[in-house]
Amino acid sequence: MLPLSVVLGLVLAAALVTPGPANRAGRRYPWAGFGALFTVLAGAPVLPLPIVPLLAGAQPWQWAPAAAGPVAAYLLVRRVSPPWWRRWHGWMASRAGLLVFLVAGVELTLVSRSLPATAQASRIWIVSLIVTTGYLACWRVVDTGYWPVLLIRDGAILLAVAGVGLWWQRRYDLDGPATTLLLGAVAAAGLSALAAGLWRLGRWLRHGPPSWPRPPGVTTWPPQPGQVWNAIVDRVDRPVVVWELDRRCAYVLPIFTDGAPGDRLRLPLAEWHRVLSDDAWLSLQVTPVPYTAFRSVRGRCPYRFWERMGRRRLGAPAAPETPTLRSAANLL
């Protein structure tokens, strides 16, 4: 039973700290780090505190330490979540509340109420650790799964691991609550990834790369009209001015290092020194760019130029590329 538990535990740990697949420019989501594993190990004994007074038949005034459980759940959820979610305290609190509910429910199912809590402290801690790791791993794979085909792949791998583990358990008669709970946690992470991937794949094939969830490697998101970004346009990395947003792409005005009569506007460095490093030329042809092509923000277009562009006749945008399974798998 120990080898199987170790394998399943390593799979859960990998899902918990995964940075997600990188994009073609090598940009990745920030990974949770190995420190997240030690944080979960330290927080797991605190999460069951709300049920300990219930098991011990405590008086109402003895329930005060139970308040540490939700606090620990909030800190754990916030520690493992990507940076952009940490500002949404209500969303973090709802995730933490569900974690406390799951831990308490599983504990009350597997822990004997006829024995004192101190006599089964190790079981309480192991159950809490498995449930917490599995729950946080589910959120982690969904938060960092931008490309739906890759998310479906990861979900299928996790489900395959759970299936092999179940066969191993049945084949060698390794029944035990901890092993069964580990199998359930790995399967839950796989189902979460698979469900999220299938849902996102439908959106992707209808509308292309969405503006949300954000692609990896960007700190400011989503792009806003008037901002200047680095982006991949026609396979070339260049600055662009964001013109308007669509649900499947952003329409931009590319910036070039050389000019052409009639269809480009000169951008003198004296006015653009905060966002450009040399004189440049702005194309007046509106170009669709998928959200996966945006790399980093440079600044904002000067107000005077933004007003001038609003009074000019811009070239009609080309049609966005048709979304494909290859783009959903990050292969283009």
Protein backbone atom coordinates (compact mmCIF):
# COMPACT_ATOMS: atom_id res chain seq x y z
CA MET A 1 0.00 0.00 0.00
CA LEU A 2 2.89 2.37 0.73
CA PRO A 3 4.34 2.42 -2.85
CA LEU A 4 0.90 3.13 -4.31
CA SER A 5 0.28 5.91 -1.78
CA VAL A 6 3.67 7.45 -2.56
CA VAL A 7 3.00 7.44 -6.31
CA LEU A 8 -0.46 8.97 -5.91
CA GLY A 9 0.89 11.54 -3.46
CA LEU A 10 3.61 12.60 -5.91
CA VAL A 11 1.03 12.96 -8.69
CA LEU A 12 -1.10 15.20 -6.48
CA ALA A 13 1.94 17.23 -5.40
CA ALA A 14 2.95 17.79 -9.04
CA ALA A 15 -0.57 18.95 -9.92
CA LEU A 16 -0.54 21.28 -6.90
CA VAL A 17 2.59 23.21 -7.85
CA THR A 18 2.35 23.04 -11.65
CA PRO A 19 3.06 26.27 -13.53
CA GLY A 20 1.00 25.05 -16.49
CA PRO A 21 2.25 24.55 -20.06
CA ALA A 22 4.39 27.32 -21.56
CA ASN A 23 3.44 29.19 -24.71
CA ARG A 24 5.54 29.49 -27.87
CA ALA A 25 7.57 32.38 -26.43
CA GLY A 26 8.41 30.33 -23.33
CA ARG A 27 6.11 32.33 -21.05
CA ARG A 28 4.61 30.37 -18.17
CA TYR A 29 2.27 30.96 -15.30
CA PRO A 30 4.15 31.54 -12.05
CA TRP A 31 4.39 28.19 -10.32
CA ALA A 32 3.37 27.73 -6.70
CA GLY A 33 6.86 26.56 -5.66
CA PHE A 34 7.85 23.74 -3.34
CA GLY A 35 7.09 26.05 -0.44
CA ALA A 36 3.41 25.46 -1.19
CA LEU A 37 3.81 21.80 -0.26
CA PHE A 38 5.26 22.68 3.15
CA THR A 39 2.49 25.25 3.63
CA VAL A 40 -0.12 22.55 3.02
CA LEU A 41 1.67 20.18 5.40
CA ALA A 42 1.63 22.86 8.10
CA GLY A 43 -1.97 23.94 7.48
CA ALA A 44 -3.56 20.50 7.23
CA PRO A 45 -3.63 19.92 11.05
CA VAL A 46 -5.47 23.24 11.54
CA LEU A 47 -8.29 22.70 9.05
CA PRO A 48 -10.07 19.92 11.05
CA LEU A 49 -10.28 22.10 14.19
CA PRO A 50 -13.99 22.91 13.57
CA ILE A 51 -14.92 19.21 14.01
CA VAL A 52 -12.68 18.44 17.01
CA PRO A 53 -15.09 20.00 19.58
CA LEU A 54 -17.90 18.02 17.96
CA LEU A 55 -15.96 14.78 18.39
CA ALA A 56 -15.00 15.67 21.95
CA GLY A 57 -18.50 16.77 22.98
CA ALA A 58 -17.13 20.18 23.99
CA GLN A 59 -19.06 23.01 25.57
CA PRO A 60 -19.96 26.03 23.40
CA TRP A 61 -17.19 28.19 24.88
CA GLN A 62 -14.64 25.55 23.88
CA TRP A 63 -15.40 26.06 20.19
CA ALA A 64 -13.33 29.25 19.98
CA PRO A 65 -10.17 27.55 18.57
CA ALA A 66 -12.29 26.25 15.69
CA ALA A 67 -12.11 29.74 14.16
CA ALA A 68 -8.50 28.99 13.18
CA GLY A 69 -9.74 26.46 10.59
CA PRO A 70 -11.34 28.95 8.16
CA VAL A 71 -8.42 31.34 8.60
CA ALA A 72 -5.93 28.59 7.70
CA ALA A 73 -8.10 27.58 4.72
CA TYR A 74 -8.10 31.15 3.42
CA LEU A 75 -4.31 31.43 3.75
CA LEU A 76 -3.79 28.07 2.01
CA VAL A 77 -6.10 28.92 -0.88
CA ARG A 78 -4.47 32.31 -1.32
CA ARG A 79 -0.96 30.82 -1.20
CA VAL A 80 -1.61 28.34 -4.00
CA SER A 81 -3.77 30.59 -6.23
CA PRO A 82 -2.21 32.56 -9.11
CA PRO A 83 -1.34 36.22 -8.33
CA TRP A 84 -4.26 37.74 -10.24
CA TRP A 85 -6.84 35.96 -8.03
CA ARG A 86 -5.33 37.09 -4.73
CA ARG A 87 -6.85 40.56 -5.00
CA TRP A 88 -10.36 39.04 -5.18
CA HIS A 89 -10.84 38.45 -1.48
CA GLY A 90 -14.48 37.34 -1.85
CA TRP A 91 -13.50 34.72 -4.42
CA MET A 92 -10.67 33.52 -2.18
CA ALA A 93 -13.06 33.36 0.79
CA SER A 94 -15.59 31.28 -1.17
CA ARG A 95 -12.89 28.80 -2.18
CA ALA A 96 -11.72 28.61 1.43
CA GLY A 97 -15.26 28.04 2.69
CA LEU A 98 -15.74 25.13 0.31
CA LEU A 99 -12.42 23.67 1.47
CA VAL A 100 -13.48 23.78 5.13
CA PHE A 101 -16.82 22.18 4.22
CA LEU A 102 -15.13 19.33 2.30
CA VAL A 103 -12.55 18.64 5.00
CA ALA A 104 -15.23 18.57 7.72
CA GLY A 105 -17.53 16.35 5.66
CA VAL A 106 -14.87 13.78 4.82
CA GLU A 107 -13.52 13.79 8.39
CA LEU A 108 -16.95 13.12 9.87
CA THR A 109 -17.41 10.28 7.39
CA LEU A 110 -14.09 8.50 8.02
CA VAL A 111 -13.33 9.35 11.66
CA SER A 112 -14.96 7.40 14.46
CA ARG A 113 -17.09 9.53 16.76
CA SER A 114 -16.84 6.95 19.54
CA LEU A 115 -13.13 7.63 20.05
CA PRO A 116 -11.54 10.82 21.37
CA ALA A 117 -9.89 13.09 18.83
CA THR A 118 -6.45 12.63 20.43
CA ALA A 119 -6.63 8.86 19.89
CA GLN A 120 -7.04 9.28 16.14
CA ALA A 121 -5.07 12.48 15.55
CA SER A 122 -2.88 10.88 12.86
CA ARG A 123 -5.92 9.75 10.85
CA ILE A 124 -7.52 13.19 11.16
CA TRP A 125 -4.33 14.85 9.90
CA ILE A 126 -3.83 12.42 6.97
CA VAL A 127 -7.43 12.80 5.82
CA SER A 128 -7.17 16.58 6.02
CA LEU A 129 -3.88 16.54 4.12
CA ILE A 130 -5.24 14.42 1.28
CA VAL A 131 -8.49 16.37 0.92
CA THR A 132 -6.68 19.72 1.04
CA THR A 133 -4.03 18.71 -1.50
CA GLY A 134 -6.60 17.25 -3.88
CA TYR A 135 -8.88 20.27 -3.61
CA LEU A 136 -6.09 22.80 -4.19
CA ALA A 137 -4.70 20.70 -7.06
CA CYS A 138 -8.11 20.84 -8.78
CA TRP A 139 -8.12 24.63 -8.68
CA ARG A 140 -4.48 24.81 -9.71
CA VAL A 141 -4.87 22.79 -12.92
CA VAL A 142 -7.97 24.80 -13.87
CA ASP A 143 -6.35 28.18 -13.11
CA THR A 144 -3.25 27.41 -15.18
CA GLY A 145 -4.94 25.53 -18.04
CA TYR A 146 -5.27 28.19 -20.73
CA TRP A 147 -5.01 25.91 -23.78
CA PRO A 148 -8.01 23.57 -23.68
CA VAL A 149 -6.46 20.63 -25.54
CA LEU A 150 -3.53 20.59 -23.12
CA LEU A 151 -5.94 20.79 -20.20
CA ILE A 152 -7.88 17.82 -21.60
CA ARG A 153 -4.60 15.95 -22.01
CA ASP A 154 -3.59 16.59 -18.40
CA GLY A 155 -7.04 15.56 -17.17
CA ALA A 156 -6.87 12.32 -19.15
CA ILE A 157 -3.41 11.57 -17.70
CA LEU A 158 -4.65 12.12 -14.14
CA LEU A 159 -7.67 9.91 -14.75
CA ALA A 160 -5.42 7.22 -16.25
CA VAL A 161 -3.19 7.36 -13.15
CA ALA A 162 -6.28 7.01 -10.93
CA GLY A 163 -7.49 4.07 -13.03
CA VAL A 164 -4.13 2.28 -12.81
CA GLY A 165 -4.07 2.95 -9.08
CA LEU A 166 -7.55 1.50 -8.70
CA TRP A 167 -6.51 -1.63 -10.62
CA TRP A 168 -3.40 -1.92 -8.45
CA GLN A 169 -5.49 -1.57 -5.31
CA ARG A 170 -7.97 -4.24 -6.43
CA ARG A 171 -5.27 -6.56 -7.80
CA TYR A 172 -3.20 -6.66 -4.63
CA ASP A 173 -6.02 -6.12 -2.12
CA LEU A 174 -4.68 -2.80 -0.82
CA ASP A 175 -7.92 -1.53 0.63
CA GLY A 176 -7.52 1.29 3.08
CA PRO A 177 -9.20 4.67 3.66
CA ALA A 178 -6.03 6.66 2.92
CA THR A 179 -5.35 4.90 -0.41
CA THR A 180 -8.99 5.14 -1.46
CA LEU A 181 -9.02 8.84 -0.58
CA LEU A 182 -5.83 9.43 -2.57
CA LEU A 183 -7.36 7.72 -5.58
CA GLY A 184 -10.44 9.90 -5.24
CA ALA A 185 -8.34 13.07 -4.99
CA VAL A 186 -6.36 12.24 -8.15
CA ALA A 187 -9.57 11.35 -10.00
CA ALA A 188 -11.21 14.61 -8.86
CA ALA A 189 -8.27 16.63 -10.18
CA GLY A 190 -8.48 14.76 -13.48
CA LEU A 191 -12.23 15.29 -13.82
CA SER A 192 -11.84 19.00 -13.01
CA ALA A 193 -9.19 19.43 -15.71
CA LEU A 194 -11.18 17.40 -18.23
CA ALA A 195 -14.44 19.29 -17.62
CA ALA A 196 -12.76 22.70 -17.78
CA GLY A 197 -10.85 21.73 -20.92
CA LEU A 198 -13.95 20.51 -22.76
CA TRP A 199 -15.88 23.66 -21.82
CA ARG A 200 -13.05 25.93 -22.92
CA LEU A 201 -12.50 23.94 -26.12
CA GLY A 202 -16.07 24.63 -27.23
CA ARG A 203 -15.59 28.36 -26.66
CA TRP A 204 -12.20 28.29 -28.38
CA LEU A 205 -13.41 26.57 -31.55
CA ARG A 206 -16.33 29.00 -31.86
CA HIS A 207 -14.56 32.25 -31.02
CA GLY A 208 -10.81 31.66 -30.85
CA PRO A 209 -8.47 32.41 -27.91
CA PRO A 210 -10.53 34.17 -25.23
CA SER A 211 -9.48 37.23 -23.28
CA TRP A 212 -10.16 35.28 -20.10
CA PRO A 213 -8.61 33.28 -18.54
CA ARG A 214 -5.45 35.26 -19.16
CA PRO A 215 -2.63 33.65 -21.14
CA PRO A 216 0.59 32.87 -19.26
CA GLY A 217 3.41 35.32 -18.69
CA VAL A 218 1.47 38.60 -18.53
CA THR A 219 1.06 40.65 -15.36
CA THR A 220 -1.30 43.38 -16.64
CA TRP A 221 -4.45 42.00 -18.29
CA PRO A 222 -6.52 42.33 -20.39
CA PRO A 223 -5.19 44.83 -22.97
CA GLN A 224 -7.07 48.11 -23.02
CA PRO A 225 -7.67 50.52 -25.95
CA GLY A 226 -4.94 53.14 -25.98
CA GLN A 227 -2.30 50.90 -24.43
CA VAL A 228 0.96 50.03 -26.21
CA TRP A 229 1.96 46.35 -26.01
CA ASN A 230 4.62 44.06 -27.38
CA ALA A 231 2.86 41.43 -29.48
CA ILE A 232 3.49 38.88 -32.21
CA VAL A 233 2.05 40.27 -35.47
CA ASP A 234 2.56 38.20 -38.63
CA ARG A 235 5.19 36.14 -36.74
CA VAL A 236 7.19 39.28 -35.86
CA ASP A 237 7.52 40.66 -32.33
CA ARG A 238 6.73 44.37 -32.50
CA PRO A 239 4.99 47.16 -30.52
CA VAL A 240 1.30 47.69 -31.20
CA VAL A 241 -1.32 50.21 -30.13
CA VAL A 242 -4.50 48.48 -28.95
CA TRP A 243 -7.46 49.92 -30.87
CA GLU A 244 -10.45 47.87 -29.68
CA LEU A 245 -11.27 44.52 -28.13
CA ASP A 246 -13.34 41.62 -29.35
CA ARG A 247 -14.19 38.43 -27.48
CA ARG A 248 -11.91 36.37 -29.75
CA CYS A 249 -9.09 38.84 -30.53
CA ALA A 250 -7.88 42.41 -30.13
CA TYR A 251 -7.65 44.87 -33.02
CA VAL A 252 -4.37 46.76 -33.01
CA LEU A 253 -2.33 49.28 -35.00
CA PRO A 254 1.21 47.89 -35.51
CA ILE A 255 4.28 50.10 -35.03
CA PHE A 256 7.15 49.88 -37.55
CA THR A 257 10.69 51.22 -37.64
CA ASP A 258 10.28 52.66 -41.15
CA GLY A 259 7.57 54.72 -42.85
CA ALA A 260 5.55 54.39 -46.03
CA PRO A 261 3.69 57.19 -47.83
CA GLY A 262 0.06 57.61 -46.94
CA ASP A 263 -0.61 54.67 -44.68
CA ARG A 264 1.68 55.30 -41.68
CA LEU A 265 1.83 58.04 -39.09
CA ARG A 266 5.20 59.22 -37.78
CA LEU A 267 5.79 58.78 -34.05
CA PRO A 268 8.55 61.17 -32.89
CA LEU A 269 10.59 59.91 -29.97
CA ALA A 270 10.22 63.29 -28.22
CA GLU A 271 6.55 62.48 -27.53
CA TRP A 272 6.81 58.68 -27.35
CA HIS A 273 9.96 58.40 -25.23
CA ARG A 274 8.05 56.74 -22.39
CA VAL A 275 6.97 53.78 -24.54
CA LEU A 276 9.38 53.65 -27.51
CA SER A 277 13.18 53.69 -27.77
CA ASP A 278 13.49 55.32 -31.22
CA ASP A 279 11.49 57.17 -33.85
CA ALA A 280 8.85 54.91 -35.36
CA TRP A 281 5.85 54.77 -37.69
CA LEU A 282 2.31 53.74 -36.84
CA SER A 283 0.35 51.69 -39.33
CA LEU A 284 -3.19 52.91 -39.96
CA GLN A 285 -4.30 49.42 -40.97
CA VAL A 286 -6.30 47.77 -38.19
CA THR A 287 -4.96 44.25 -37.62
CA PRO A 288 -6.54 41.42 -35.61
CA VAL A 289 -4.21 39.82 -33.07
CA PRO A 290 -5.18 36.79 -30.91
CA TYR A 291 -4.87 37.22 -27.17
CA THR A 292 -2.17 34.54 -27.04
CA ALA A 293 0.12 36.85 -29.07
CA PHE A 294 0.28 39.63 -26.46
CA ARG A 295 3.58 39.57 -24.57
CA SER A 296 3.98 42.59 -22.28
CA VAL A 297 2.65 46.12 -21.84
CA ARG A 298 4.90 49.10 -22.66
CA GLY A 299 2.72 52.06 -21.67
CA ARG A 300 -0.01 54.25 -23.11
CA CYS A 301 -0.39 56.09 -26.37
CA PRO A 302 0.06 59.89 -25.85
CA TYR A 303 -3.31 61.59 -25.66
CA ARG A 304 -2.67 63.92 -28.65
CA PHE A 305 -1.91 61.01 -30.97
CA TRP A 306 -4.89 59.04 -29.70
CA GLU A 307 -7.12 61.99 -30.62
CA ARG A 308 -5.50 62.28 -34.06
CA MET A 309 -6.06 58.59 -34.80
CA GLY A 310 -9.70 58.95 -33.83
CA ARG A 311 -10.17 61.56 -36.58
CA ARG A 312 -8.40 59.54 -39.28
CA ARG A 313 -9.84 57.00 -41.63
CA LEU A 314 -8.35 53.66 -40.71
CA GLY A 315 -8.05 50.65 -42.98
CA ALA A 316 -10.72 47.99 -42.51
CA PRO A 317 -9.50 45.10 -40.37
CA ALA A 318 -8.85 41.69 -41.86
CA ALA A 319 -10.86 38.73 -40.64
CA PRO A 320 -9.34 36.94 -37.63
CA GLU A 321 -7.81 33.54 -38.20
CA THR A 322 -10.20 30.63 -37.92
CA PRO A 323 -9.62 28.84 -34.59
CA THR A 324 -8.39 25.27 -34.87
CA LEU A 325 -7.49 22.35 -32.66
CA ARG A 326 -3.83 23.13 -33.33
CA SER A 327 -4.21 26.60 -31.88
CA ALA A 328 -6.10 25.16 -28.91
CA ALA A 329 -3.11 22.87 -28.32
CA ASN A 330 -0.58 25.74 -28.61
CA LEU A 331 0.96 24.25 -31.77
CA LEU A 332 0.81 27.26 -34.11
